[in-house]
C-alpha atoms as a PDB file:
ATOM      1  CA  MET A   1      -0.106  -0.030  -0.123  1.00  0.00           C
ATOM      2  CA  ILE A   2       2.954   2.163   0.569  1.00  0.00           C
ATOM      3  CA  SER A   3       5.070   3.654  -2.507  1.00  0.00           C
ATOM      4  CA  SER A   4       8.383   3.175  -3.026  1.00  0.00           C
ATOM      5  CA  GLY A   5       8.746   7.092  -2.633  1.00  0.00           C
ATOM      6  CA  GLU A   6       7.070   7.291   0.299  1.00  0.00           C
ATOM      7  CA  THR A   7       8.216   7.789   3.889  1.00  0.00           C
ATOM      8  CA  PHE A   8       6.571   7.408   7.002  1.00  0.00           C
ATOM      9  CA  GLY A   9       6.987  11.265   8.306  1.00  0.00           C
ATOM     10  CA  GLN A  10       4.985  11.605   5.095  1.00  0.00           C
ATOM     11  CA  ARG A  11       2.194   8.828   5.700  1.00  0.00           C
ATOM     12  CA  LEU A  12       2.018  10.823   9.348  1.00  0.00           C
ATOM     13  CA  GLN A  13       1.462  14.026   7.291  1.00  0.00           C
ATOM     14  CA  LEU A  14      -1.185  11.873   5.176  1.00  0.00           C
ATOM     15  CA  ALA A  15      -2.801  10.833   8.230  1.00  0.00           C
ATOM     16  CA  ASP A  16      -3.958  14.370   9.034  1.00  0.00           C
ATOM     17  CA  ASN A  17      -7.037  13.567   6.959  1.00  0.00           C
ATOM     18  CA  GLY A  18      -8.168  10.537   8.586  1.00  0.00           C
ATOM     19  CA  CYS A  19      -5.391  10.174  11.575  1.00  0.00           C
ATOM     20  CA  ASN A  20      -8.411   8.478  14.020  1.00  0.00           C
ATOM     21  CA  ALA A  21      -8.828   5.257  12.030  1.00  0.00           C
ATOM     22  CA  TRP A  22      -5.097   5.405  10.807  1.00  0.00           C
ATOM     23  CA  CYS A  23      -3.755   6.188  14.018  1.00  0.00           C
ATOM     24  CA  HIS A  24      -5.997   4.036  15.789  1.00  0.00           C
ATOM     25  CA  GLN A  25      -5.380   0.991  13.224  1.00  0.00           C
ATOM     26  CA  GLN A  26      -1.782   1.252  13.558  1.00  0.00           C
ATOM     27  CA  GLY A  27      -1.927   1.929  17.742  1.00  0.00           C
ATOM     28  CA  LEU A  28      -0.650   5.082  17.585  1.00  0.00           C
ATOM     29  CA  GLY A  29      -3.018   6.673  19.641  1.00  0.00           C
ATOM     30  CA  THR A  30      -1.478   9.330  20.892  1.00  0.00           C
ATOM     31  CA  ALA A  31      -0.945  12.974  20.277  1.00  0.00           C
ATOM     32  CA  LEU A  32       2.626  11.910  19.859  1.00  0.00           C
ATOM     33  CA  MET A  33       2.436  10.021  16.534  1.00  0.00           C
ATOM     34  CA  CYS A  34      -1.158  11.674  15.633  1.00  0.00           C
ATOM     35  CA  PRO A  35      -0.816  14.691  13.553  1.00  0.00           C
ATOM     36  CA  CYS A  36      -4.332  16.116  14.891  1.00  0.00           C
ATOM     37  CA  ARG A  37      -6.276  15.268  17.973  1.00  0.00           C
ATOM     38  CA  THR A  38      -9.467  12.929  18.709  1.00  0.00           C
END
């Protein structure tokens, strides 16, 4: 699912559109890893 030129940082940036679903999916339901709050 991840592109060859895609980095973890970019994934976190993209997660801003659906941080809740993404973070909870990855088990990163914390403000440290999530770009936005729940």
